[in-house]
Amino acid sequence: MKNDEWETCEAKEEDKAFEHLTKTLQQIEDARIVYIDDFIPEGEEESDQTKYFEEALGDGNVKLILGPKRYYATVKLPSRTVLEGQGMELTTIQTPNHAPSYEWTVSVKDKDNGAEYIAVRHLSLDGNRRRGVEPAGGSRSSCLTFHGVKYGWVKDVFCLQQHVAWI
């Protein structure tokens, strides 16, 4: 096979994969839409909200919509999840003050086995390095990491004071 034939074949495979991802994400969005603010009780605005994210996400197959405000949590995404904010300037997830230095702001729920069909879009992530802990280094100093994700999509996400790691 010639080089240009190989590139054409590779491009077709990428197009198929993107089309498959887009179709699957649409199925997830059509299956179950959940609003995180329905899970967070009044008065919990600045406390660690991680448990409410866990409740809302469940075992996946969910589109979790965040409002236009700052949330304080470490979010672990199961397979078949769409995490969507209202825009990079409006929605922020911040790592809570007491979280250990090695904790990511957003990561995959099952780090040993990975996940599939995950989208994170239209929000900002704040690793909260102001909390006084030294960065753990490497991918552990990331706001967002996708360990072993098959079919992942990140769009319009701003990470503050850290970097994004794809593993």
N, C-alpha and C. Protein backbone atom coordinates (compact mmCIF):
# COMPACT_ATOMS: atom_id res chain seq x y z
N MET A 1 0.85 -1.17 0.00
CA MET A 1 0.00 0.00 0.00
C MET A 1 0.90 1.24 0.00
N LYS A 2 0.60 2.18 -0.87
CA LYS A 2 1.37 3.41 -0.96
C LYS A 2 1.03 4.32 0.21
N ASN A 3 1.93 5.26 0.46
CA ASN A 3 1.79 6.17 1.60
C ASN A 3 0.50 6.97 1.54
N ASP A 4 0.13 7.51 0.35
CA ASP A 4 -1.09 8.31 0.26
C ASP A 4 -2.34 7.45 0.41
N GLU A 5 -2.26 6.17 -0.02
CA GLU A 5 -3.40 5.26 0.19
C GLU A 5 -3.57 4.96 1.67
N TRP A 6 -2.45 4.80 2.38
CA TRP A 6 -2.48 4.54 3.81
C TRP A 6 -3.11 5.72 4.56
N GLU A 7 -2.72 6.96 4.19
CA GLU A 7 -3.28 8.15 4.82
C GLU A 7 -4.77 8.28 4.56
N THR A 8 -5.22 7.94 3.35
CA THR A 8 -6.65 7.99 3.02
C THR A 8 -7.42 6.98 3.85
N CYS A 9 -6.87 5.77 3.96
CA CYS A 9 -7.50 4.71 4.76
C CYS A 9 -7.57 5.13 6.24
N GLU A 10 -6.49 5.71 6.73
CA GLU A 10 -6.44 6.16 8.12
C GLU A 10 -7.47 7.27 8.36
N ALA A 11 -7.61 8.19 7.43
CA ALA A 11 -8.58 9.29 7.56
C ALA A 11 -10.00 8.76 7.58
N LYS A 12 -10.29 7.74 6.77
CA LYS A 12 -11.64 7.14 6.77
C LYS A 12 -11.93 6.48 8.11
N GLU A 13 -10.94 5.81 8.68
CA GLU A 13 -11.13 5.18 9.99
C GLU A 13 -11.39 6.23 11.07
N GLU A 14 -10.66 7.34 11.02
CA GLU A 14 -10.87 8.42 11.98
C GLU A 14 -12.27 9.00 11.83
N ASP A 15 -12.73 9.17 10.60
CA ASP A 15 -14.08 9.68 10.36
C ASP A 15 -15.13 8.74 10.93
N LYS A 16 -14.93 7.43 10.75
CA LYS A 16 -15.86 6.43 11.30
C LYS A 16 -15.89 6.50 12.82
N ALA A 17 -14.71 6.59 13.42
CA ALA A 17 -14.61 6.64 14.88
C ALA A 17 -15.31 7.90 15.42
N PHE A 18 -15.09 9.04 14.77
CA PHE A 18 -15.72 10.28 15.21
C PHE A 18 -17.23 10.18 15.06
N GLU A 19 -17.69 9.63 13.95
CA GLU A 19 -19.13 9.47 13.72
C GLU A 19 -19.74 8.56 14.78
N HIS A 20 -19.03 7.47 15.11
CA HIS A 20 -19.49 6.53 16.14
C HIS A 20 -19.57 7.23 17.50
N LEU A 21 -18.53 8.01 17.85
CA LEU A 21 -18.52 8.74 19.11
C LEU A 21 -19.68 9.72 19.18
N THR A 22 -19.88 10.48 18.13
CA THR A 22 -20.95 11.47 18.09
C THR A 22 -22.31 10.81 18.26
N LYS A 23 -22.53 9.70 17.59
CA LYS A 23 -23.80 8.97 17.67
C LYS A 23 -24.02 8.42 19.10
N THR A 24 -22.97 7.86 19.69
CA THR A 24 -23.08 7.30 21.04
C THR A 24 -23.33 8.39 22.07
N LEU A 25 -22.64 9.53 21.94
CA LEU A 25 -22.88 10.63 22.87
C LEU A 25 -24.31 11.13 22.77
N GLN A 26 -24.86 11.16 21.58
CA GLN A 26 -26.26 11.57 21.41
C GLN A 26 -27.19 10.58 22.10
N GLN A 27 -26.88 9.28 22.02
CA GLN A 27 -27.69 8.27 22.71
C GLN A 27 -27.64 8.48 24.22
N ILE A 28 -26.46 8.80 24.75
CA ILE A 28 -26.32 9.05 26.18
C ILE A 28 -27.15 10.26 26.59
N GLU A 29 -27.04 11.34 25.80
CA GLU A 29 -27.79 12.55 26.11
C GLU A 29 -29.29 12.31 26.04
N ASP A 30 -29.73 11.45 25.16
CA ASP A 30 -31.16 11.14 25.04
C ASP A 30 -31.64 10.21 26.16
N ALA A 31 -30.72 9.46 26.77
CA ALA A 31 -31.10 8.46 27.77
C ALA A 31 -31.48 9.09 29.11
N ARG A 32 -30.58 9.92 29.66
CA ARG A 32 -30.84 10.45 31.00
C ARG A 32 -30.08 11.77 31.19
N ILE A 33 -30.82 12.83 31.41
CA ILE A 33 -30.22 14.14 31.68
C ILE A 33 -30.46 14.46 33.15
N VAL A 34 -29.38 14.83 33.85
CA VAL A 34 -29.44 15.10 35.28
C VAL A 34 -28.81 16.47 35.54
N TYR A 35 -29.40 17.23 36.45
CA TYR A 35 -28.88 18.53 36.83
C TYR A 35 -28.25 18.41 38.22
N ILE A 36 -26.95 18.73 38.32
CA ILE A 36 -26.25 18.57 39.59
C ILE A 36 -26.88 19.40 40.70
N ASP A 37 -27.42 20.55 40.37
CA ASP A 37 -28.01 21.40 41.41
C ASP A 37 -29.23 20.76 42.08
N ASP A 38 -29.84 19.76 41.45
CA ASP A 38 -30.94 19.02 42.08
C ASP A 38 -30.43 18.12 43.21
N PHE A 39 -29.12 17.84 43.25
CA PHE A 39 -28.54 16.94 44.24
C PHE A 39 -27.86 17.68 45.39
N ILE A 40 -27.52 18.95 45.20
CA ILE A 40 -26.78 19.70 46.22
C ILE A 40 -27.77 20.48 47.09
N PRO A 41 -27.84 20.14 48.39
CA PRO A 41 -28.76 20.84 49.29
C PRO A 41 -28.36 22.31 49.47
N GLU A 42 -29.32 23.13 49.81
CA GLU A 42 -29.05 24.53 50.07
C GLU A 42 -28.10 24.64 51.26
N GLY A 43 -27.18 25.55 51.18
CA GLY A 43 -26.21 25.74 52.25
C GLY A 43 -24.92 24.96 52.03
N GLU A 44 -24.86 24.17 50.98
CA GLU A 44 -23.67 23.37 50.69
C GLU A 44 -22.84 24.00 49.57
N GLU A 45 -23.00 25.30 49.36
CA GLU A 45 -22.37 25.95 48.21
C GLU A 45 -20.86 25.87 48.21
N GLU A 46 -20.21 26.01 49.38
CA GLU A 46 -18.75 26.04 49.39
C GLU A 46 -18.13 24.87 50.13
N SER A 47 -18.91 23.84 50.41
CA SER A 47 -18.35 22.64 51.04
C SER A 47 -17.94 21.66 49.95
N ASP A 48 -17.33 20.56 50.35
CA ASP A 48 -16.94 19.53 49.38
C ASP A 48 -18.20 18.86 48.84
N GLN A 49 -18.44 18.98 47.57
CA GLN A 49 -19.66 18.48 46.93
C GLN A 49 -19.43 17.16 46.18
N THR A 50 -18.29 16.52 46.41
CA THR A 50 -17.94 15.30 45.69
C THR A 50 -19.02 14.24 45.78
N LYS A 51 -19.58 14.02 46.97
CA LYS A 51 -20.59 12.97 47.14
C LYS A 51 -21.84 13.23 46.30
N TYR A 52 -22.17 14.49 46.08
CA TYR A 52 -23.35 14.81 45.27
C TYR A 52 -23.10 14.52 43.79
N PHE A 53 -21.87 14.73 43.36
CA PHE A 53 -21.51 14.37 41.99
C PHE A 53 -21.57 12.85 41.81
N GLU A 54 -21.10 12.11 42.82
CA GLU A 54 -21.15 10.64 42.75
C GLU A 54 -22.59 10.16 42.64
N GLU A 55 -23.48 10.73 43.45
CA GLU A 55 -24.90 10.38 43.39
C GLU A 55 -25.50 10.68 42.02
N ALA A 56 -25.21 11.86 41.50
CA ALA A 56 -25.79 12.28 40.23
C ALA A 56 -25.28 11.43 39.07
N LEU A 57 -24.00 11.06 39.09
CA LEU A 57 -23.42 10.29 37.99
C LEU A 57 -23.80 8.81 38.04
N GLY A 58 -23.99 8.28 39.23
CA GLY A 58 -24.34 6.87 39.37
C GLY A 58 -23.35 5.98 38.65
N ASP A 59 -23.87 5.03 37.88
CA ASP A 59 -23.03 4.11 37.13
C ASP A 59 -22.83 4.55 35.68
N GLY A 60 -23.20 5.78 35.38
CA GLY A 60 -22.99 6.30 34.03
C GLY A 60 -24.25 6.32 33.21
N ASN A 61 -24.07 6.36 31.90
CA ASN A 61 -25.17 6.52 30.95
C ASN A 61 -26.01 7.74 31.31
N VAL A 62 -25.28 8.86 31.49
CA VAL A 62 -25.92 10.08 31.97
C VAL A 62 -25.25 11.32 31.38
N LYS A 63 -26.05 12.34 31.15
CA LYS A 63 -25.53 13.67 30.83
C LYS A 63 -25.76 14.50 32.07
N LEU A 64 -24.67 14.94 32.70
CA LEU A 64 -24.75 15.73 33.92
C LEU A 64 -24.52 17.20 33.56
N ILE A 65 -25.52 18.01 33.82
CA ILE A 65 -25.46 19.43 33.48
C ILE A 65 -25.17 20.24 34.74
N LEU A 66 -24.17 21.11 34.64
CA LEU A 66 -23.78 21.98 35.73
C LEU A 66 -24.25 23.39 35.45
N GLY A 67 -24.61 24.10 36.50
CA GLY A 67 -25.09 25.47 36.36
C GLY A 67 -23.96 26.47 36.21
N PRO A 68 -24.31 27.73 36.07
CA PRO A 68 -23.32 28.79 35.90
C PRO A 68 -22.77 29.27 37.25
N LYS A 69 -21.93 28.44 37.87
CA LYS A 69 -21.34 28.80 39.16
C LYS A 69 -20.11 27.95 39.43
N ARG A 70 -19.53 28.09 40.62
CA ARG A 70 -18.34 27.33 41.03
C ARG A 70 -18.77 26.16 41.92
N TYR A 71 -18.26 24.98 41.58
CA TYR A 71 -18.50 23.77 42.36
C TYR A 71 -17.18 23.35 43.01
N TYR A 72 -17.24 22.67 44.15
CA TYR A 72 -16.06 22.24 44.88
C TYR A 72 -16.12 20.72 44.99
N ALA A 73 -15.36 20.03 44.13
CA ALA A 73 -15.44 18.58 44.10
C ALA A 73 -14.27 17.97 43.34
N THR A 74 -14.05 16.70 43.59
CA THR A 74 -13.23 15.88 42.70
C THR A 74 -14.22 14.93 42.04
N VAL A 75 -14.29 14.97 40.73
CA VAL A 75 -15.32 14.27 39.97
C VAL A 75 -14.71 13.07 39.27
N LYS A 76 -15.31 11.91 39.50
CA LYS A 76 -14.84 10.66 38.88
C LYS A 76 -15.93 10.16 37.93
N LEU A 77 -15.60 10.15 36.65
CA LEU A 77 -16.59 9.86 35.61
C LEU A 77 -16.65 8.38 35.26
N PRO A 78 -17.85 7.79 35.34
CA PRO A 78 -18.02 6.42 34.86
C PRO A 78 -18.17 6.42 33.33
N SER A 79 -18.13 5.25 32.74
CA SER A 79 -18.33 5.13 31.29
C SER A 79 -19.67 5.72 30.89
N ARG A 80 -19.73 6.15 29.64
CA ARG A 80 -20.95 6.67 29.03
C ARG A 80 -21.48 7.88 29.81
N THR A 81 -20.60 8.90 29.93
CA THR A 81 -20.94 10.10 30.68
C THR A 81 -20.62 11.35 29.87
N VAL A 82 -21.52 12.30 29.92
CA VAL A 82 -21.28 13.64 29.39
C VAL A 82 -21.34 14.60 30.57
N LEU A 83 -20.26 15.33 30.80
CA LEU A 83 -20.19 16.34 31.85
C LEU A 83 -20.17 17.69 31.15
N GLU A 84 -21.22 18.49 31.36
CA GLU A 84 -21.36 19.72 30.58
C GLU A 84 -21.70 20.91 31.46
N GLY A 85 -20.90 21.97 31.30
CA GLY A 85 -21.15 23.23 31.98
C GLY A 85 -21.85 24.21 31.05
N GLN A 86 -21.95 25.45 31.52
CA GLN A 86 -22.63 26.50 30.76
C GLN A 86 -21.65 27.36 29.97
N GLY A 87 -20.37 27.07 30.08
CA GLY A 87 -19.34 27.84 29.38
C GLY A 87 -18.11 27.99 30.26
N MET A 88 -16.96 28.16 29.62
CA MET A 88 -15.70 28.27 30.38
C MET A 88 -15.71 29.46 31.33
N GLU A 89 -16.38 30.52 30.99
CA GLU A 89 -16.41 31.70 31.85
C GLU A 89 -17.47 31.59 32.94
N LEU A 90 -18.35 30.64 32.84
CA LEU A 90 -19.50 30.57 33.75
C LEU A 90 -19.45 29.41 34.74
N THR A 91 -19.02 28.24 34.32
CA THR A 91 -19.04 27.05 35.17
C THR A 91 -17.61 26.63 35.50
N THR A 92 -17.34 26.42 36.79
CA THR A 92 -16.01 25.98 37.23
C THR A 92 -16.16 24.86 38.26
N ILE A 93 -15.34 23.84 38.12
CA ILE A 93 -15.20 22.83 39.17
C ILE A 93 -13.83 23.05 39.78
N GLN A 94 -13.80 23.23 41.09
CA GLN A 94 -12.55 23.48 41.80
C GLN A 94 -12.26 22.32 42.75
N THR A 95 -11.01 21.89 42.78
CA THR A 95 -10.60 20.87 43.74
C THR A 95 -10.77 21.43 45.15
N PRO A 96 -11.43 20.68 46.04
CA PRO A 96 -11.66 21.18 47.41
C PRO A 96 -10.35 21.43 48.16
N ASN A 97 -10.38 22.33 49.13
CA ASN A 97 -9.18 22.70 49.89
C ASN A 97 -8.51 21.52 50.59
N HIS A 98 -9.26 20.57 51.08
CA HIS A 98 -8.68 19.47 51.85
C HIS A 98 -8.22 18.29 50.99
N ALA A 99 -8.43 18.34 49.68
CA ALA A 99 -8.06 17.22 48.80
C ALA A 99 -6.54 17.03 48.79
N PRO A 100 -6.08 15.78 48.76
CA PRO A 100 -4.64 15.54 48.69
C PRO A 100 -4.04 16.04 47.38
N SER A 101 -2.75 16.27 47.36
CA SER A 101 -2.08 16.85 46.19
C SER A 101 -2.16 15.96 44.96
N TYR A 102 -2.32 14.66 45.15
CA TYR A 102 -2.35 13.73 44.02
C TYR A 102 -3.74 13.57 43.41
N GLU A 103 -4.73 14.25 43.94
CA GLU A 103 -6.11 14.11 43.46
C GLU A 103 -6.36 14.99 42.24
N TRP A 104 -7.00 14.43 41.22
CA TRP A 104 -7.36 15.18 40.03
C TRP A 104 -8.70 15.88 40.26
N THR A 105 -8.94 16.96 39.54
CA THR A 105 -10.23 17.63 39.62
C THR A 105 -11.28 16.77 38.93
N VAL A 106 -10.99 16.31 37.71
CA VAL A 106 -11.87 15.41 36.97
C VAL A 106 -11.04 14.26 36.42
N SER A 107 -11.50 13.04 36.67
CA SER A 107 -10.80 11.85 36.19
C SER A 107 -11.81 10.73 35.92
N VAL A 108 -11.31 9.58 35.59
CA VAL A 108 -12.13 8.40 35.30
C VAL A 108 -12.41 7.66 36.61
N LYS A 109 -13.62 7.16 36.76
CA LYS A 109 -14.02 6.45 37.98
C LYS A 109 -13.20 5.17 38.18
N ASP A 110 -13.06 4.37 37.15
CA ASP A 110 -12.34 3.10 37.24
C ASP A 110 -10.98 3.23 36.56
N LYS A 111 -10.01 3.69 37.32
CA LYS A 111 -8.69 3.94 36.74
C LYS A 111 -7.97 2.67 36.32
N ASP A 112 -8.31 1.53 36.92
CA ASP A 112 -7.65 0.27 36.56
C ASP A 112 -8.12 -0.27 35.22
N ASN A 113 -9.42 -0.15 34.96
CA ASN A 113 -9.99 -0.71 33.72
C ASN A 113 -10.31 0.35 32.67
N GLY A 114 -10.18 1.61 33.03
CA GLY A 114 -10.47 2.68 32.07
C GLY A 114 -11.97 2.88 31.92
N ALA A 115 -12.34 3.53 30.83
CA ALA A 115 -13.75 3.83 30.57
C ALA A 115 -13.91 4.08 29.08
N GLU A 116 -15.15 4.25 28.67
CA GLU A 116 -15.41 4.57 27.27
C GLU A 116 -16.56 5.55 27.17
N TYR A 117 -16.54 6.30 26.08
CA TYR A 117 -17.59 7.28 25.77
C TYR A 117 -17.76 8.31 26.89
N ILE A 118 -16.75 9.15 27.01
CA ILE A 118 -16.80 10.23 28.00
C ILE A 118 -16.58 11.55 27.28
N ALA A 119 -17.42 12.52 27.59
CA ALA A 119 -17.25 13.87 27.05
C ALA A 119 -17.26 14.86 28.21
N VAL A 120 -16.34 15.81 28.16
CA VAL A 120 -16.28 16.91 29.12
C VAL A 120 -16.24 18.18 28.28
N ARG A 121 -17.19 19.09 28.55
CA ARG A 121 -17.25 20.26 27.69
C ARG A 121 -17.87 21.48 28.38
N HIS A 122 -17.45 22.64 27.88
CA HIS A 122 -18.02 23.94 28.24
C HIS A 122 -17.90 24.29 29.73
N LEU A 123 -16.68 24.16 30.28
CA LEU A 123 -16.47 24.51 31.68
C LEU A 123 -15.00 24.80 31.93
N SER A 124 -14.71 25.27 33.13
CA SER A 124 -13.34 25.49 33.58
C SER A 124 -13.06 24.55 34.75
N LEU A 125 -11.81 24.16 34.87
CA LEU A 125 -11.36 23.32 35.98
C LEU A 125 -10.26 24.05 36.72
N ASP A 126 -10.38 24.09 38.03
CA ASP A 126 -9.41 24.78 38.87
C ASP A 126 -8.81 23.77 39.84
N GLY A 127 -7.54 23.44 39.64
CA GLY A 127 -6.86 22.49 40.51
C GLY A 127 -6.58 23.02 41.89
N ASN A 128 -6.87 24.29 42.14
CA ASN A 128 -6.78 24.91 43.46
C ASN A 128 -5.39 24.74 44.08
N ARG A 129 -4.37 25.08 43.34
CA ARG A 129 -3.01 25.02 43.88
C ARG A 129 -2.79 26.06 44.97
N ARG A 130 -3.73 26.97 45.13
CA ARG A 130 -3.64 27.98 46.18
C ARG A 130 -3.86 27.37 47.56
N ARG A 131 -4.29 26.14 47.62
CA ARG A 131 -4.60 25.54 48.92
C ARG A 131 -3.35 25.18 49.72
N GLY A 132 -2.17 25.40 49.15
CA GLY A 132 -0.94 25.27 49.91
C GLY A 132 -0.25 23.92 49.86
N VAL A 133 -0.71 23.00 49.03
CA VAL A 133 -0.02 21.72 48.91
C VAL A 133 0.89 21.75 47.70
N GLU A 134 1.99 21.03 47.78
CA GLU A 134 2.92 20.93 46.66
C GLU A 134 2.32 20.04 45.59
N PRO A 135 2.48 20.39 44.32
CA PRO A 135 1.98 19.53 43.24
C PRO A 135 2.63 18.14 43.33
N ALA A 136 1.85 17.12 43.02
CA ALA A 136 2.35 15.75 43.08
C ALA A 136 3.29 15.44 41.93
N GLY A 137 3.20 16.20 40.84
CA GLY A 137 4.09 16.00 39.70
C GLY A 137 3.50 15.06 38.67
N GLY A 138 4.01 15.15 37.46
CA GLY A 138 3.55 14.29 36.36
C GLY A 138 2.07 14.48 36.10
N SER A 139 1.41 13.40 35.72
CA SER A 139 -0.03 13.49 35.44
C SER A 139 -0.83 13.77 36.70
N ARG A 140 -0.25 13.54 37.86
CA ARG A 140 -0.93 13.82 39.13
C ARG A 140 -1.10 15.31 39.39
N SER A 141 -0.48 16.14 38.57
CA SER A 141 -0.63 17.58 38.70
C SER A 141 -1.59 18.12 37.64
N SER A 142 -2.50 17.28 37.18
CA SER A 142 -3.42 17.66 36.12
C SER A 142 -4.82 17.92 36.67
N CYS A 143 -5.52 18.82 36.03
CA CYS A 143 -6.93 19.05 36.37
C CYS A 143 -7.79 17.94 35.81
N LEU A 144 -7.44 17.47 34.62
CA LEU A 144 -8.26 16.51 33.89
C LEU A 144 -7.38 15.40 33.36
N THR A 145 -7.76 14.17 33.63
CA THR A 145 -7.01 13.05 33.07
C THR A 145 -7.98 11.95 32.64
N PHE A 146 -7.69 11.34 31.53
CA PHE A 146 -8.50 10.25 30.98
C PHE A 146 -7.65 8.98 30.95
N HIS A 147 -7.61 8.25 32.04
CA HIS A 147 -6.85 7.00 32.09
C HIS A 147 -7.56 5.93 31.28
N GLY A 148 -6.94 5.47 30.23
CA GLY A 148 -7.47 4.36 29.46
C GLY A 148 -8.83 4.60 28.85
N VAL A 149 -9.15 5.83 28.50
CA VAL A 149 -10.46 6.12 27.92
C VAL A 149 -10.47 5.78 26.44
N LYS A 150 -11.46 5.03 26.04
CA LYS A 150 -11.69 4.74 24.63
C LYS A 150 -12.88 5.60 24.21
N TYR A 151 -12.69 6.42 23.21
CA TYR A 151 -13.70 7.37 22.74
C TYR A 151 -13.97 8.44 23.80
N GLY A 152 -13.04 9.36 23.91
CA GLY A 152 -13.18 10.49 24.81
C GLY A 152 -13.18 11.79 24.02
N TRP A 153 -13.85 12.79 24.57
CA TRP A 153 -13.99 14.06 23.87
C TRP A 153 -13.94 15.18 24.90
N VAL A 154 -13.01 16.11 24.70
CA VAL A 154 -12.90 17.29 25.55
C VAL A 154 -13.05 18.50 24.64
N LYS A 155 -13.99 19.37 24.97
CA LYS A 155 -14.25 20.54 24.13
C LYS A 155 -14.53 21.75 25.01
N ASP A 156 -13.87 22.86 24.69
CA ASP A 156 -14.08 24.12 25.41
C ASP A 156 -13.91 23.96 26.91
N VAL A 157 -12.75 23.42 27.31
CA VAL A 157 -12.42 23.23 28.72
C VAL A 157 -11.15 24.01 29.02
N PHE A 158 -11.20 24.84 30.05
CA PHE A 158 -10.05 25.63 30.48
C PHE A 158 -9.55 25.04 31.80
N CYS A 159 -8.25 24.74 31.87
CA CYS A 159 -7.65 24.21 33.10
C CYS A 159 -6.75 25.27 33.71
N LEU A 160 -7.02 25.63 34.93
CA LEU A 160 -6.29 26.68 35.62
C LEU A 160 -5.13 26.11 36.42
N GLN A 161 -3.92 26.63 36.20
CA GLN A 161 -2.70 26.32 36.95
C GLN A 161 -2.21 24.89 36.78
N GLN A 162 -2.73 24.14 35.88
CA GLN A 162 -2.28 22.78 35.69
C GLN A 162 -2.37 22.45 34.22
N HIS A 163 -2.14 21.20 33.88
CA HIS A 163 -2.23 20.79 32.48
C HIS A 163 -3.16 19.59 32.36
N VAL A 164 -3.51 19.25 31.13
CA VAL A 164 -4.36 18.11 30.85
C VAL A 164 -3.46 16.93 30.50
N ALA A 165 -3.72 15.77 31.06
CA ALA A 165 -2.90 14.59 30.77
C ALA A 165 -3.77 13.50 30.17
N TRP A 166 -3.32 12.95 29.07
CA TRP A 166 -3.99 11.82 28.43
C TRP A 166 -3.11 10.61 28.64
N ILE A 167 -3.62 9.62 29.34
CA ILE A 167 -2.84 8.43 29.62
C ILE A 167 -3.50 7.23 29.00
